Each structure stands twice: as C-alpha cells, then as structure tokens.
Amino acid sequence: MLGVTVLLWVGALTLPCTGVLTGHSRPPGPSLYFQYHHYEDMTGYLHAVNRAYPDLTRLYSLGKTVKDRDLWVMQVTSVPEVQLGVPHVKIVGNIHGNEAVGRELVLHMIQFLVTSYNRNQTVRWLLDNTRIHLMPSLNPDGFEISKVGRCTTIEGSSDIEMMDHDHGFRNLDFIFLKSKGYSLELS
C-alpha cells in the first residue's frame, strides 16, 4: 500500500451578510485572531508558524496565481520523510474566494494541531502517523476581491480569470480515467 490520500473541501460557507469584519487583521504571528485574514496576513501567519514549529511543519507553494500570489500549503506532521504506509491527507479551504470561513477554519486547524501536539495524545498520535497538508486558500485572488455583506453577488467566487476552481475536479477524473483506457462521455 503506497498510502491513502483524502481530500476534504472546507467551503460552501460564504462571507456573512452582516457584521463588521473589514480591514486587515493584526500583525501576523503564531497567535491567530478570530477575524478574516487577507493574503498578506495569512502568508505572515504561515511563515511564523513554520518558524515556531520547524519540527512539525513544512511550508511550500503549489505555484502562483494570476496576481502572482503563492498558493501556500502547510504540511503538519512529525514524520520527517515520506514513508510507506503513512497516509497523506489534503485539506483545502477557500476554493471560491468568497467562502472565507473555509480559509479561517484551515488556519485555526493548523494552530490547533501545532499547539496541541505536546498536550493532546490524540493529536500526537495523528501527527506521528499521518502527513497532513493544509491549504488555507485555493483562491486568494478571489478572496481579495470579495466583499463583506455582498451575499447576492458572485464577486470573488471565481478567480481573476473567471475560473471556478471546484468545477475542474470532474475533468481531472475524466482525464485520469481516459488515460487508463476508459471511453467516457461527459454529460
């Protein structure tokens, strides 16, 4: 068994229609505040966590957006290198830019995992036996153009080039199955 990959989509929760959550958050650092984190704040927080927990975290970028923003992924594990039988889990938030709660849930999950490793046996077991890849934002460009309180529009749902990121998953399945010799029609 080479490993198991699980993809969790943390989304479908959009910016609230009421509330005062505008502006940028406090300066980034290992502490995480309960407010929306714009791209610069999110990036600063991820780097701060990586510096504070170098034995548990690895920060890497999957590439760049149209607006030249890194697509950050924080790997959280105590397993130093890929090992046979150790599953990988991917958790992706903020697929649509205006689904800001997904981004915040992933950031808070990172904080919970790294701060609980030495205090919680279940978290310790999980991180000793799993490699968790957490991507707070698949669509940072869309997040930056979305607006608090604008719940009846699709501002930020797609990225700058109007690509809707969750609609590509089915196409990837189609390409994979076709490469294996299956003859499929998209309906």
C-alpha atoms as a PDB file:
ATOM      1  CA  MET A   1       0.000   0.000   0.000  1.00  0.00           C
ATOM      2  CA  LEU A   2       1.576   3.266  -1.090  1.00  0.00           C
ATOM      3  CA  GLY A   3      -0.626   5.406   1.107  1.00  0.00           C
ATOM      4  CA  VAL A   4      -4.045   6.884   1.218  1.00  0.00           C
ATOM      5  CA  THR A   5      -4.951  10.373   0.057  1.00  0.00           C
ATOM      6  CA  VAL A   6      -8.053  12.101   1.332  1.00  0.00           C
ATOM      7  CA  LEU A   7      -9.259  15.473   0.071  1.00  0.00           C
ATOM      8  CA  LEU A   8     -11.568  17.469   2.285  1.00  0.00           C
ATOM      9  CA  TRP A   9     -13.199  20.561   0.858  1.00  0.00           C
ATOM     10  CA  VAL A  10     -13.715  23.176   3.553  1.00  0.00           C
ATOM     11  CA  GLY A  11     -16.043  25.540   1.811  1.00  0.00           C
ATOM     12  CA  ALA A  12     -19.615  26.346   0.971  1.00  0.00           C
ATOM     13  CA  LEU A  13     -19.562  28.902   3.744  1.00  0.00           C
ATOM     14  CA  THR A  14     -19.532  32.425   2.394  1.00  0.00           C
ATOM     15  CA  LEU A  15     -18.818  35.849   3.798  1.00  0.00           C
ATOM     16  CA  PRO A  16     -21.507  36.854   6.294  1.00  0.00           C
ATOM     17  CA  CYS A  17     -24.197  39.279   5.215  1.00  0.00           C
ATOM     18  CA  THR A  18     -23.860  41.266   8.424  1.00  0.00           C
ATOM     19  CA  GLY A  19     -21.084  42.100  10.814  1.00  0.00           C
ATOM     20  CA  VAL A  20     -18.065  44.343  10.884  1.00  0.00           C
ATOM     21  CA  LEU A  21     -15.122  42.351   9.617  1.00  0.00           C
ATOM     22  CA  THR A  22     -13.493  44.769   7.203  1.00  0.00           C
ATOM     23  CA  GLY A  23      -9.878  45.834   7.122  1.00  0.00           C
ATOM     24  CA  HIS A  24      -6.750  43.847   7.750  1.00  0.00           C
ATOM     25  CA  SER A  25      -6.034  41.756  10.806  1.00  0.00           C
ATOM     26  CA  ARG A  26      -3.448  42.466  13.471  1.00  0.00           C
ATOM     27  CA  PRO A  27       0.201  41.832  12.687  1.00  0.00           C
ATOM     28  CA  PRO A  28       0.718  38.147  11.845  1.00  0.00           C
ATOM     29  CA  GLY A  29       2.438  35.767  14.226  1.00  0.00           C
ATOM     30  CA  PRO A  30       1.947  32.446  15.946  1.00  0.00           C
ATOM     31  CA  SER A  31      -1.181  33.833  17.620  1.00  0.00           C
ATOM     32  CA  LEU A  32      -4.265  33.661  15.427  1.00  0.00           C
ATOM     33  CA  TYR A  33      -7.117  36.109  15.883  1.00  0.00           C
ATOM     34  CA  PHE A  34     -10.780  35.423  15.118  1.00  0.00           C
ATOM     35  CA  GLN A  35     -11.105  37.643  12.077  1.00  0.00           C
ATOM     36  CA  TYR A  36     -10.633  37.331   8.332  1.00  0.00           C
ATOM     37  CA  HIS A  37      -7.014  37.122   7.254  1.00  0.00           C
ATOM     38  CA  HIS A  38      -6.140  38.795   3.977  1.00  0.00           C
ATOM     39  CA  TYR A  39      -3.406  37.272   1.830  1.00  0.00           C
ATOM     40  CA  GLU A  40      -0.500  39.137   3.454  1.00  0.00           C
ATOM     41  CA  ASP A  41      -1.750  38.281   6.957  1.00  0.00           C
ATOM     42  CA  MET A  42      -2.292  34.629   6.058  1.00  0.00           C
ATOM     43  CA  THR A  43       1.173  34.417   4.493  1.00  0.00           C
ATOM     44  CA  GLY A  44       2.796  36.051   7.518  1.00  0.00           C
ATOM     45  CA  TYR A  45       0.974  33.714   9.887  1.00  0.00           C
ATOM     46  CA  LEU A  46       2.016  30.596   7.935  1.00  0.00           C
ATOM     47  CA  HIS A  47       5.666  31.707   7.923  1.00  0.00           C
ATOM     48  CA  ALA A  48       5.519  32.486  11.664  1.00  0.00           C
ATOM     49  CA  VAL A  49       4.083  29.041  12.439  1.00  0.00           C
ATOM     50  CA  ASN A  50       6.743  27.409  10.261  1.00  0.00           C
ATOM     51  CA  ARG A  51       9.476  29.268  12.182  1.00  0.00           C
ATOM     52  CA  ALA A  52       7.921  28.488  15.585  1.00  0.00           C
ATOM     53  CA  TYR A  53       7.357  24.759  14.857  1.00  0.00           C
ATOM     54  CA  PRO A  54      10.119  23.684  12.449  1.00  0.00           C
ATOM     55  CA  ASP A  55       9.996  20.040  13.597  1.00  0.00           C
ATOM     56  CA  LEU A  56       6.246  19.765  12.895  1.00  0.00           C
ATOM     57  CA  THR A  57       5.693  21.965   9.848  1.00  0.00           C
ATOM     58  CA  ARG A  58       6.875  22.487   6.305  1.00  0.00           C
ATOM     59  CA  LEU A  59       5.566  25.398   4.248  1.00  0.00           C
ATOM     60  CA  TYR A  60       5.539  25.089   0.479  1.00  0.00           C
ATOM     61  CA  SER A  61       3.850  26.707  -2.512  1.00  0.00           C
ATOM     62  CA  LEU A  62       1.948  24.799  -5.195  1.00  0.00           C
ATOM     63  CA  GLY A  63       2.513  27.658  -7.628  1.00  0.00           C
ATOM     64  CA  LYS A  64       1.365  31.201  -8.314  1.00  0.00           C
ATOM     65  CA  THR A  65      -1.995  32.770  -9.031  1.00  0.00           C
ATOM     66  CA  VAL A  66      -2.708  35.144 -11.908  1.00  0.00           C
ATOM     67  CA  LYS A  67      -1.956  38.006  -9.487  1.00  0.00           C
ATOM     68  CA  ASP A  68       1.386  36.381  -8.539  1.00  0.00           C
ATOM     69  CA  ARG A  69       0.249  35.198  -5.094  1.00  0.00           C
ATOM     70  CA  ASP A  70       1.697  31.947  -3.773  1.00  0.00           C
ATOM     71  CA  LEU A  71      -0.724  29.054  -3.231  1.00  0.00           C
ATOM     72  CA  TRP A  72       0.512  28.110   0.246  1.00  0.00           C
ATOM     73  CA  VAL A  73       0.295  24.646   1.772  1.00  0.00           C
ATOM     74  CA  MET A  74       1.343  23.882   5.353  1.00  0.00           C
ATOM     75  CA  GLN A  75       2.332  20.285   5.929  1.00  0.00           C
ATOM     76  CA  VAL A  76       1.872  19.308   9.586  1.00  0.00           C
ATOM     77  CA  THR A  77       3.425  16.027  10.709  1.00  0.00           C
ATOM     78  CA  SER A  78       6.140  14.619  12.931  1.00  0.00           C
ATOM     79  CA  VAL A  79       7.045  12.073  10.222  1.00  0.00           C
ATOM     80  CA  PRO A  80      10.196  13.622   8.727  1.00  0.00           C
ATOM     81  CA  GLU A  81      10.070  11.982   5.296  1.00  0.00           C
ATOM     82  CA  VAL A  82       7.657  10.047   3.120  1.00  0.00           C
ATOM     83  CA  GLN A  83       7.306   6.514   4.442  1.00  0.00           C
ATOM     84  CA  LEU A  84       5.452   3.543   3.034  1.00  0.00           C
ATOM     85  CA  GLY A  85       2.074   3.120   4.743  1.00  0.00           C
ATOM     86  CA  VAL A  86       1.880   6.643   6.190  1.00  0.00           C
ATOM     87  CA  PRO A  87      -1.261   8.250   4.754  1.00  0.00           C
ATOM     88  CA  HIS A  88      -1.388  11.765   3.377  1.00  0.00           C
ATOM     89  CA  VAL A  89      -4.440  13.945   3.964  1.00  0.00           C
ATOM     90  CA  LYS A  90      -5.146  17.144   1.999  1.00  0.00           C
ATOM     91  CA  ILE A  91      -7.470  19.782   3.385  1.00  0.00           C
ATOM     92  CA  VAL A  92      -8.316  22.677   1.053  1.00  0.00           C
ATOM     93  CA  GLY A  93     -10.223  25.800   2.027  1.00  0.00           C
ATOM     94  CA  ASN A  94     -11.428  28.900   0.225  1.00  0.00           C
ATOM     95  CA  ILE A  95     -11.893  27.224  -3.170  1.00  0.00           C
ATOM     96  CA  HIS A  96     -14.288  30.049  -4.009  1.00  0.00           C
ATOM     97  CA  GLY A  97     -12.816  33.375  -2.965  1.00  0.00           C
ATOM     98  CA  ASN A  98     -15.977  34.454  -1.157  1.00  0.00           C
ATOM     99  CA  GLU A  99     -16.025  31.324   1.020  1.00  0.00           C
ATOM    100  CA  ALA A 100     -13.895  32.964   3.668  1.00  0.00           C
ATOM    101  CA  VAL A 101     -14.919  30.761   6.583  1.00  0.00           C
ATOM    102  CA  GLY A 102     -13.188  27.772   4.963  1.00  0.00           C
ATOM    103  CA  ARG A 103      -9.905  29.710   4.925  1.00  0.00           C
ATOM    104  CA  GLU A 104     -10.251  30.598   8.591  1.00  0.00           C
ATOM    105  CA  LEU A 105     -11.152  27.025   9.593  1.00  0.00           C
ATOM    106  CA  VAL A 106      -7.994  25.702   7.935  1.00  0.00           C
ATOM    107  CA  LEU A 107      -5.828  28.368   9.618  1.00  0.00           C
ATOM    108  CA  HIS A 108      -7.338  27.525  13.004  1.00  0.00           C
ATOM    109  CA  MET A 109      -6.847  23.809  12.343  1.00  0.00           C
ATOM    110  CA  ILE A 110      -3.141  24.483  11.741  1.00  0.00           C
ATOM    111  CA  GLN A 111      -2.959  26.394  15.021  1.00  0.00           C
ATOM    112  CA  PHE A 112      -4.797  23.644  16.900  1.00  0.00           C
ATOM    113  CA  LEU A 113      -2.565  20.871  15.559  1.00  0.00           C
ATOM    114  CA  VAL A 114       0.788  22.549  16.247  1.00  0.00           C
ATOM    115  CA  THR A 115      -0.163  23.867  19.690  1.00  0.00           C
ATOM    116  CA  SER A 116      -1.777  20.592  20.794  1.00  0.00           C
ATOM    117  CA  TYR A 117       0.973  18.177  19.727  1.00  0.00           C
ATOM    118  CA  ASN A 118       2.687  18.162  23.135  1.00  0.00           C
ATOM    119  CA  ARG A 119      -0.553  18.430  25.144  1.00  0.00           C
ATOM    120  CA  ASN A 120      -3.022  16.073  23.478  1.00  0.00           C
ATOM    121  CA  GLN A 121      -2.394  12.328  22.977  1.00  0.00           C
ATOM    122  CA  THR A 122      -4.856  12.071  20.085  1.00  0.00           C
ATOM    123  CA  VAL A 123      -3.213  14.932  18.180  1.00  0.00           C
ATOM    124  CA  ARG A 124       0.235  13.476  18.907  1.00  0.00           C
ATOM    125  CA  TRP A 125      -0.848  10.077  17.543  1.00  0.00           C
ATOM    126  CA  LEU A 126      -2.406  11.703  14.475  1.00  0.00           C
ATOM    127  CA  LEU A 127       0.714  13.727  13.630  1.00  0.00           C
ATOM    128  CA  ASP A 128       3.009  10.766  14.373  1.00  0.00           C
ATOM    129  CA  ASN A 129       1.052   8.587  11.936  1.00  0.00           C
ATOM    130  CA  THR A 130      -0.235  10.941   9.215  1.00  0.00           C
ATOM    131  CA  ARG A 131       1.108  13.651   6.925  1.00  0.00           C
ATOM    132  CA  ILE A 132      -1.495  16.421   6.799  1.00  0.00           C
ATOM    133  CA  HIS A 133      -1.306  19.025   4.018  1.00  0.00           C
ATOM    134  CA  LEU A 134      -3.445  22.081   4.790  1.00  0.00           C
ATOM    135  CA  MET A 135      -4.128  24.652   2.079  1.00  0.00           C
ATOM    136  CA  PRO A 136      -5.972  27.622   3.583  1.00  0.00           C
ATOM    137  CA  SER A 137      -6.769  29.270   0.255  1.00  0.00           C
ATOM    138  CA  LEU A 138      -7.014  27.798  -3.237  1.00  0.00           C
ATOM    139  CA  ASN A 139      -8.337  31.156  -4.475  1.00  0.00           C
ATOM    140  CA  PRO A 140      -6.533  34.047  -2.747  1.00  0.00           C
ATOM    141  CA  ASP A 141      -7.201  36.340  -5.738  1.00  0.00           C
ATOM    142  CA  GLY A 142     -10.947  35.776  -5.419  1.00  0.00           C
ATOM    143  CA  PHE A 143     -10.806  36.342  -1.655  1.00  0.00           C
ATOM    144  CA  GLU A 144      -9.150  39.725  -2.119  1.00  0.00           C
ATOM    145  CA  ILE A 145     -11.893  40.964  -4.475  1.00  0.00           C
ATOM    146  CA  SER A 146     -14.830  39.579  -2.454  1.00  0.00           C
ATOM    147  CA  LYS A 147     -16.739  41.983  -0.236  1.00  0.00           C
ATOM    148  CA  VAL A 148     -18.247  41.522   3.221  1.00  0.00           C
ATOM    149  CA  GLY A 149     -22.012  41.894   3.059  1.00  0.00           C
ATOM    150  CA  ARG A 150     -22.287  41.307  -0.707  1.00  0.00           C
ATOM    151  CA  CYS A 151     -24.064  37.947  -0.435  1.00  0.00           C
ATOM    152  CA  THR A 152     -26.246  38.283  -3.524  1.00  0.00           C
ATOM    153  CA  THR A 153     -23.344  38.630  -5.954  1.00  0.00           C
ATOM    154  CA  ILE A 154     -20.665  36.221  -7.063  1.00  0.00           C
ATOM    155  CA  GLU A 155     -17.785  38.654  -6.518  1.00  0.00           C
ATOM    156  CA  GLY A 156     -14.775  36.585  -5.588  1.00  0.00           C
ATOM    157  CA  SER A 157     -16.422  33.232  -6.280  1.00  0.00           C
ATOM    158  CA  SER A 158     -14.214  32.692  -9.311  1.00  0.00           C
ATOM    159  CA  ASP A 159     -10.650  33.867  -9.691  1.00  0.00           C
ATOM    160  CA  ILE A 160      -9.441  36.862 -11.714  1.00  0.00           C
ATOM    161  CA  GLU A 161      -9.728  34.874 -14.973  1.00  0.00           C
ATOM    162  CA  MET A 162     -13.292  33.785 -14.036  1.00  0.00           C
ATOM    163  CA  MET A 163     -12.232  30.164 -13.411  1.00  0.00           C
ATOM    164  CA  ASP A 164     -14.432  28.329 -10.924  1.00  0.00           C
ATOM    165  CA  HIS A 165     -11.953  26.013  -9.183  1.00  0.00           C
ATOM    166  CA  ASP A 166     -14.266  23.260  -7.983  1.00  0.00           C
ATOM    167  CA  HIS A 167     -15.668  22.599 -11.454  1.00  0.00           C
ATOM    168  CA  GLY A 168     -12.305  21.215 -12.607  1.00  0.00           C
ATOM    169  CA  PHE A 169     -12.312  18.203 -10.290  1.00  0.00           C
ATOM    170  CA  ARG A 170     -14.654  16.228 -12.527  1.00  0.00           C
ATOM    171  CA  ASN A 171     -12.488  16.993 -15.554  1.00  0.00           C
ATOM    172  CA  LEU A 172      -9.402  15.673 -13.758  1.00  0.00           C
ATOM    173  CA  ASP A 173     -11.258  12.408 -13.093  1.00  0.00           C
ATOM    174  CA  PHE A 174     -12.209  12.249 -16.776  1.00  0.00           C
ATOM    175  CA  ILE A 175      -8.594  12.797 -17.890  1.00  0.00           C
ATOM    176  CA  PHE A 176      -7.316  10.149 -15.449  1.00  0.00           C
ATOM    177  CA  LEU A 177      -9.878   7.522 -16.450  1.00  0.00           C
ATOM    178  CA  LYS A 178      -9.361   8.233 -20.156  1.00  0.00           C
ATOM    179  CA  SER A 179      -5.601   7.745 -19.672  1.00  0.00           C
ATOM    180  CA  LYS A 180      -6.403   4.293 -18.251  1.00  0.00           C
ATOM    181  CA  GLY A 181      -8.273   3.337 -21.426  1.00  0.00           C
ATOM    182  CA  TYR A 182     -11.877   4.040 -20.384  1.00  0.00           C
ATOM    183  CA  SER A 183     -14.174   5.526 -23.015  1.00  0.00           C
ATOM    184  CA  LEU A 184     -16.255   8.174 -21.253  1.00  0.00           C
ATOM    185  CA  GLU A 185     -18.665  10.869 -22.314  1.00  0.00           C
ATOM    186  CA  LEU A 186     -19.127  13.999 -20.192  1.00  0.00           C
ATOM    187  CA  SER A 187     -22.813  14.706 -19.695  1.00  0.00           C
END
